[in-house]
Amino acid sequence: MLNKQDQKQIDRAAQQGLGTLLRTMAQIHRAGSKRTQNAINEQIEQVNAWDQFTMVNGALLHNSEL
């Protein structure tokens, strides 16, 4: 479950397009708690976008950030 601040950030990013949304999800995942990371993982799974991400030393990176 995401807190209100993270959910607002995701909602704003969603209005700007899929690429922005996915990058925002990766940033929240890196900065968040285990609970937040699990919530982000679930959302990524729902949109079937795992091919857009890479894990580097435990940090979730969007492919545009590599």
PDB file of N, CA and C in Angstrom:
ATOM      1  N   MET A   1       0.840  -1.178   0.000  1.00  0.00           N
ATOM      2  CA  MET A   1       0.000   0.000   0.000  1.00  0.00           C
ATOM      3  C   MET A   1       0.887   1.243   0.000  1.00  0.00           C
ATOM      4  N   LEU A   2       0.582   2.148  -0.878  1.00  0.00           N
ATOM      5  CA  LEU A   2       1.360   3.382  -0.987  1.00  0.00           C
ATOM      6  C   LEU A   2       0.781   4.459  -0.083  1.00  0.00           C
ATOM      7  N   ASN A   3       1.652   5.334   0.417  1.00  0.00           N
ATOM      8  CA  ASN A   3       1.136   6.452   1.186  1.00  0.00           C
ATOM      9  C   ASN A   3       0.564   7.499   0.226  1.00  0.00           C
ATOM     10  N   LYS A   4      -0.104   8.485   0.772  1.00  0.00           N
ATOM     11  CA  LYS A   4      -0.791   9.475  -0.060  1.00  0.00           C
ATOM     12  C   LYS A   4       0.174  10.251  -0.950  1.00  0.00           C
ATOM     13  N   GLN A   5       1.330  10.596  -0.411  1.00  0.00           N
ATOM     14  CA  GLN A   5       2.309  11.373  -1.177  1.00  0.00           C
ATOM     15  C   GLN A   5       2.805  10.588  -2.391  1.00  0.00           C
ATOM     16  N   ASP A   6       3.149   9.318  -2.185  1.00  0.00           N
ATOM     17  CA  ASP A   6       3.621   8.495  -3.297  1.00  0.00           C
ATOM     18  C   ASP A   6       2.518   8.281  -4.326  1.00  0.00           C
ATOM     19  N   GLN A   7       1.285   8.074  -3.860  1.00  0.00           N
ATOM     20  CA  GLN A   7       0.174   7.865  -4.785  1.00  0.00           C
ATOM     21  C   GLN A   7      -0.090   9.121  -5.618  1.00  0.00           C
ATOM     22  N   LYS A   8       0.013  10.299  -4.989  1.00  0.00           N
ATOM     23  CA  LYS A   8      -0.166  11.549  -5.731  1.00  0.00           C
ATOM     24  C   LYS A   8       0.919  11.701  -6.789  1.00  0.00           C
ATOM     25  N   GLN A   9       2.148  11.345  -6.423  1.00  0.00           N
ATOM     26  CA  GLN A   9       3.259  11.440  -7.366  1.00  0.00           C
ATOM     27  C   GLN A   9       3.028  10.513  -8.557  1.00  0.00           C
ATOM     28  N   ILE A  10       2.541   9.311  -8.299  1.00  0.00           N
ATOM     29  CA  ILE A  10       2.257   8.365  -9.379  1.00  0.00           C
ATOM     30  C   ILE A  10       1.106   8.866 -10.248  1.00  0.00           C
ATOM     31  N   ASP A  11       0.078   9.420  -9.627  1.00  0.00           N
ATOM     32  CA  ASP A  11      -1.055   9.948 -10.393  1.00  0.00           C
ATOM     33  C   ASP A  11      -0.622  11.084 -11.321  1.00  0.00           C
ATOM     34  N   ARG A  12       0.242  11.968 -10.823  1.00  0.00           N
ATOM     35  CA  ARG A  12       0.742  13.064 -11.665  1.00  0.00           C
ATOM     36  C   ARG A  12       1.590  12.534 -12.810  1.00  0.00           C
ATOM     37  N   ALA A  13       2.421  11.546 -12.532  1.00  0.00           N
ATOM     38  CA  ALA A  13       3.286  10.971 -13.565  1.00  0.00           C
ATOM     39  C   ALA A  13       2.457  10.244 -14.625  1.00  0.00           C
ATOM     40  N   ALA A  14       1.369   9.604 -14.213  1.00  0.00           N
ATOM     41  CA  ALA A  14       0.522   8.868 -15.154  1.00  0.00           C
ATOM     42  C   ALA A  14      -0.084   9.800 -16.194  1.00  0.00           C
ATOM     43  N   GLN A  15      -0.344  11.041 -15.820  1.00  0.00           N
ATOM     44  CA  GLN A  15      -0.910  12.015 -16.756  1.00  0.00           C
ATOM     45  C   GLN A  15       0.094  12.415 -17.822  1.00  0.00           C
ATOM     46  N   GLN A  16       1.384  12.235 -17.548  1.00  0.00           N
ATOM     47  CA  GLN A  16       2.426  12.649 -18.483  1.00  0.00           C
ATOM     48  C   GLN A  16       2.868  11.540 -19.425  1.00  0.00           C
ATOM     49  N   GLY A  17       2.376  10.324 -19.196  1.00  0.00           N
ATOM     50  CA  GLY A  17       2.704   9.238 -20.108  1.00  0.00           C
ATOM     51  C   GLY A  17       3.313   8.039 -19.406  1.00  0.00           C
ATOM     52  N   LEU A  18       3.368   6.931 -20.134  1.00  0.00           N
ATOM     53  CA  LEU A  18       3.834   5.668 -19.568  1.00  0.00           C
ATOM     54  C   LEU A  18       5.306   5.726 -19.157  1.00  0.00           C
ATOM     55  N   GLY A  19       6.163   6.317 -19.970  1.00  0.00           N
ATOM     56  CA  GLY A  19       7.582   6.392 -19.646  1.00  0.00           C
ATOM     57  C   GLY A  19       7.831   7.132 -18.345  1.00  0.00           C
ATOM     58  N   THR A  20       7.168   8.251 -18.175  1.00  0.00           N
ATOM     59  CA  THR A  20       7.300   9.036 -16.949  1.00  0.00           C
ATOM     60  C   THR A  20       6.766   8.258 -15.754  1.00  0.00           C
ATOM     61  N   LEU A  21       5.658   7.572 -15.948  1.00  0.00           N
ATOM     62  CA  LEU A  21       5.073   6.775 -14.877  1.00  0.00           C
ATOM     63  C   LEU A  21       6.043   5.683 -14.426  1.00  0.00           C
ATOM     64  N   LEU A  22       6.634   4.973 -15.365  1.00  0.00           N
ATOM     65  CA  LEU A  22       7.532   3.879 -15.011  1.00  0.00           C
ATOM     66  C   LEU A  22       8.806   4.378 -14.334  1.00  0.00           C
ATOM     67  N   ARG A  23       9.355   5.505 -14.808  1.00  0.00           N
ATOM     68  CA  ARG A  23      10.530   6.087 -14.147  1.00  0.00           C
ATOM     69  C   ARG A  23      10.201   6.506 -12.723  1.00  0.00           C
ATOM     70  N   THR A  24       9.022   7.090 -12.533  1.00  0.00           N
ATOM     71  CA  THR A  24       8.589   7.515 -11.197  1.00  0.00           C
ATOM     72  C   THR A  24       8.434   6.312 -10.283  1.00  0.00           C
ATOM     73  N   MET A  25       7.873   5.240 -10.816  1.00  0.00           N
ATOM     74  CA  MET A  25       7.732   4.018 -10.015  1.00  0.00           C
ATOM     75  C   MET A  25       9.097   3.500  -9.573  1.00  0.00           C
ATOM     76  N   ALA A  26      10.074   3.534 -10.461  1.00  0.00           N
ATOM     77  CA  ALA A  26      11.416   3.078 -10.111  1.00  0.00           C
ATOM     78  C   ALA A  26      12.025   3.962  -9.020  1.00  0.00           C
ATOM     79  N   GLN A  27      11.823   5.270  -9.111  1.00  0.00           N
ATOM     80  CA  GLN A  27      12.368   6.182  -8.113  1.00  0.00           C
ATOM     81  C   GLN A  27      11.721   5.955  -6.748  1.00  0.00           C
ATOM     82  N   ILE A  28      10.417   5.774  -6.727  1.00  0.00           N
ATOM     83  CA  ILE A  28       9.719   5.520  -5.472  1.00  0.00           C
ATOM     84  C   ILE A  28      10.169   4.176  -4.898  1.00  0.00           C
ATOM     85  N   HIS A  29      10.361   3.190  -5.760  1.00  0.00           N
ATOM     86  CA  HIS A  29      10.806   1.865  -5.312  1.00  0.00           C
ATOM     87  C   HIS A  29      12.164   1.960  -4.624  1.00  0.00           C
ATOM     88  N   ARG A  30      13.084   2.722  -5.217  1.00  0.00           N
ATOM     89  CA  ARG A  30      14.430   2.847  -4.633  1.00  0.00           C
ATOM     90  C   ARG A  30      14.396   3.565  -3.290  1.00  0.00           C
ATOM     91  N   ALA A  31      13.519   4.545  -3.134  1.00  0.00           N
ATOM     92  CA  ALA A  31      13.493   5.365  -1.930  1.00  0.00           C
ATOM     93  C   ALA A  31      12.554   4.824  -0.853  1.00  0.00           C
ATOM     94  N   GLY A  32      11.739   3.853  -1.203  1.00  0.00           N
ATOM     95  CA  GLY A  32      10.679   3.428  -0.302  1.00  0.00           C
ATOM     96  C   GLY A  32      11.048   2.306   0.645  1.00  0.00           C
ATOM     97  N   SER A  33      10.134   2.065   1.544  1.00  0.00           N
ATOM     98  CA  SER A  33      10.253   0.962   2.497  1.00  0.00           C
ATOM     99  C   SER A  33       9.942  -0.356   1.782  1.00  0.00           C
ATOM    100  N   LYS A  34      10.113  -1.441   2.486  1.00  0.00           N
ATOM    101  CA  LYS A  34       9.820  -2.757   1.920  1.00  0.00           C
ATOM    102  C   LYS A  34       8.347  -2.844   1.516  1.00  0.00           C
ATOM    103  N   ARG A  35       7.469  -2.283   2.308  1.00  0.00           N
ATOM    104  CA  ARG A  35       6.034  -2.282   1.997  1.00  0.00           C
ATOM    105  C   ARG A  35       5.766  -1.500   0.715  1.00  0.00           C
ATOM    106  N   THR A  36       6.402  -0.334   0.584  1.00  0.00           N
ATOM    107  CA  THR A  36       6.244   0.475  -0.621  1.00  0.00           C
ATOM    108  C   THR A  36       6.809  -0.256  -1.830  1.00  0.00           C
ATOM    109  N   GLN A  37       7.958  -0.886  -1.663  1.00  0.00           N
ATOM    110  CA  GLN A  37       8.556  -1.639  -2.766  1.00  0.00           C
ATOM    111  C   GLN A  37       7.642  -2.767  -3.216  1.00  0.00           C
ATOM    112  N   ASN A  38       7.022  -3.453  -2.267  1.00  0.00           N
ATOM    113  CA  ASN A  38       6.095  -4.524  -2.632  1.00  0.00           C
ATOM    114  C   ASN A  38       4.883  -3.980  -3.385  1.00  0.00           C
ATOM    115  N   ALA A  39       4.381  -2.814  -2.971  1.00  0.00           N
ATOM    116  CA  ALA A  39       3.238  -2.203  -3.656  1.00  0.00           C
ATOM    117  C   ALA A  39       3.616  -1.810  -5.087  1.00  0.00           C
ATOM    118  N   ILE A  40       4.807  -1.260  -5.264  1.00  0.00           N
ATOM    119  CA  ILE A  40       5.278  -0.898  -6.606  1.00  0.00           C
ATOM    120  C   ILE A  40       5.441  -2.152  -7.458  1.00  0.00           C
ATOM    121  N   ASN A  41       5.994  -3.217  -6.876  1.00  0.00           N
ATOM    122  CA  ASN A  41       6.147  -4.478  -7.606  1.00  0.00           C
ATOM    123  C   ASN A  41       4.794  -4.991  -8.092  1.00  0.00           C
ATOM    124  N   GLU A  42       3.773  -4.887  -7.253  1.00  0.00           N
ATOM    125  CA  GLU A  42       2.432  -5.326  -7.638  1.00  0.00           C
ATOM    126  C   GLU A  42       1.895  -4.491  -8.798  1.00  0.00           C
ATOM    127  N   GLN A  43       2.114  -3.172  -8.743  1.00  0.00           N
ATOM    128  CA  GLN A  43       1.623  -2.310  -9.817  1.00  0.00           C
ATOM    129  C   GLN A  43       2.344  -2.602 -11.132  1.00  0.00           C
ATOM    130  N   ILE A  44       3.630  -2.850 -11.059  1.00  0.00           N
ATOM    131  CA  ILE A  44       4.386  -3.187 -12.269  1.00  0.00           C
ATOM    132  C   ILE A  44       3.875  -4.509 -12.837  1.00  0.00           C
ATOM    133  N   GLU A  45       3.586  -5.443 -11.969  1.00  0.00           N
ATOM    134  CA  GLU A  45       3.059  -6.735 -12.399  1.00  0.00           C
ATOM    135  C   GLU A  45       1.690  -6.566 -13.079  1.00  0.00           C
ATOM    136  N   GLN A  46       0.866  -5.679 -12.557  1.00  0.00           N
ATOM    137  CA  GLN A  46      -0.469  -5.454 -13.111  1.00  0.00           C
ATOM    138  C   GLN A  46      -0.413  -4.928 -14.540  1.00  0.00           C
ATOM    139  N   VAL A  47       0.557  -4.072 -14.829  1.00  0.00           N
ATOM    140  CA  VAL A  47       0.670  -3.526 -16.188  1.00  0.00           C
ATOM    141  C   VAL A  47       1.633  -4.336 -17.043  1.00  0.00           C
ATOM    142  N   ASN A  48       2.169  -5.423 -16.462  1.00  0.00           N
ATOM    143  CA  ASN A  48       3.059  -6.341 -17.186  1.00  0.00           C
ATOM    144  C   ASN A  48       4.220  -5.585 -17.841  1.00  0.00           C
ATOM    145  N   ALA A  49       4.943  -4.808 -17.017  1.00  0.00           N
ATOM    146  CA  ALA A  49       6.003  -3.947 -17.538  1.00  0.00           C
ATOM    147  C   ALA A  49       7.383  -4.326 -17.023  1.00  0.00           C
ATOM    148  N   TRP A  50       7.576  -5.554 -16.552  1.00  0.00           N
ATOM    149  CA  TRP A  50       8.877  -5.933 -16.004  1.00  0.00           C
ATOM    150  C   TRP A  50       9.986  -5.852 -17.040  1.00  0.00           C
ATOM    151  N   ASP A  51       9.649  -5.963 -18.328  1.00  0.00           N
ATOM    152  CA  ASP A  51      10.682  -5.875 -19.364  1.00  0.00           C
ATOM    153  C   ASP A  51      11.249  -4.465 -19.489  1.00  0.00           C
ATOM    154  N   GLN A  52      10.632  -3.482 -18.849  1.00  0.00           N
ATOM    155  CA  GLN A  52      11.094  -2.096 -18.883  1.00  0.00           C
ATOM    156  C   GLN A  52      12.086  -1.783 -17.760  1.00  0.00           C
ATOM    157  N   PHE A  53      12.355  -2.751 -16.874  1.00  0.00           N
ATOM    158  CA  PHE A  53      13.164  -2.505 -15.687  1.00  0.00           C
ATOM    159  C   PHE A  53      14.346  -3.460 -15.602  1.00  0.00           C
ATOM    160  N   THR A  54      15.370  -3.030 -14.861  1.00  0.00           N
ATOM    161  CA  THR A  54      16.546  -3.841 -14.572  1.00  0.00           C
ATOM    162  C   THR A  54      16.878  -3.652 -13.095  1.00  0.00           C
ATOM    163  N   MET A  55      17.274  -4.736 -12.460  1.00  0.00           N
ATOM    164  CA  MET A  55      17.721  -4.632 -11.068  1.00  0.00           C
ATOM    165  C   MET A  55      19.246  -4.558 -11.055  1.00  0.00           C
ATOM    166  N   VAL A  56      19.804  -3.549 -10.394  1.00  0.00           N
ATOM    167  CA  VAL A  56      21.246  -3.379 -10.262  1.00  0.00           C
ATOM    168  C   VAL A  56      21.555  -3.241  -8.776  1.00  0.00           C
ATOM    169  N   ASN A  57      22.258  -4.230  -8.225  1.00  0.00           N
ATOM    170  CA  ASN A  57      22.587  -4.236  -6.795  1.00  0.00           C
ATOM    171  C   ASN A  57      21.378  -3.990  -5.918  1.00  0.00           C
ATOM    172  N   GLY A  58      20.252  -4.581  -6.264  1.00  0.00           N
ATOM    173  CA  GLY A  58      19.033  -4.452  -5.483  1.00  0.00           C
ATOM    174  C   GLY A  58      18.224  -3.209  -5.761  1.00  0.00           C
ATOM    175  N   ALA A  59      18.700  -2.342  -6.637  1.00  0.00           N
ATOM    176  CA  ALA A  59      17.971  -1.122  -6.977  1.00  0.00           C
ATOM    177  C   ALA A  59      17.226  -1.309  -8.290  1.00  0.00           C
ATOM    178  N   LEU A  60      15.955  -0.964  -8.296  1.00  0.00           N
ATOM    179  CA  LEU A  60      15.141  -1.065  -9.504  1.00  0.00           C
ATOM    180  C   LEU A  60      15.403   0.158 -10.378  1.00  0.00           C
ATOM    181  N   LEU A  61      15.846  -0.079 -11.604  1.00  0.00           N
ATOM    182  CA  LEU A  61      16.125   1.002 -12.554  1.00  0.00           C
ATOM    183  C   LEU A  61      15.257   0.840 -13.791  1.00  0.00           C
ATOM    184  N   HIS A  62      14.681   1.937 -14.237  1.00  0.00           N
ATOM    185  CA  HIS A  62      13.999   1.930 -15.518  1.00  0.00           C
ATOM    186  C   HIS A  62      15.071   1.908 -16.600  1.00  0.00           C
ATOM    187  N   ASN A  63      14.798   1.262 -17.698  1.00  0.00           N
ATOM    188  CA  ASN A  63      15.817   1.116 -18.744  1.00  0.00           C
ATOM    189  C   ASN A  63      16.331   2.459 -19.267  1.00  0.00           C
ATOM    190  N   SER A  64      15.549   3.521 -19.183  1.00  0.00           N
ATOM    191  CA  SER A  64      16.018   4.838 -19.632  1.00  0.00           C
ATOM    192  C   SER A  64      17.053   5.420 -18.666  1.00  0.00           C
ATOM    193  N   GLU A  65      17.160   4.862 -17.477  1.00  0.00           N
ATOM    194  CA  GLU A  65      18.113   5.360 -16.483  1.00  0.00           C
ATOM    195  C   GLU A  65      19.469   4.668 -16.566  1.00  0.00           C
ATOM    196  N   LEU A  66      19.576   3.675 -17.397  1.00  0.00           N
ATOM    197  CA  LEU A  66      20.856   2.938 -17.509  1.00  0.00           C
ATOM    198  C   LEU A  66      21.891   3.701 -18.272  1.00  0.00           C
TER     199      LEU A  66
END
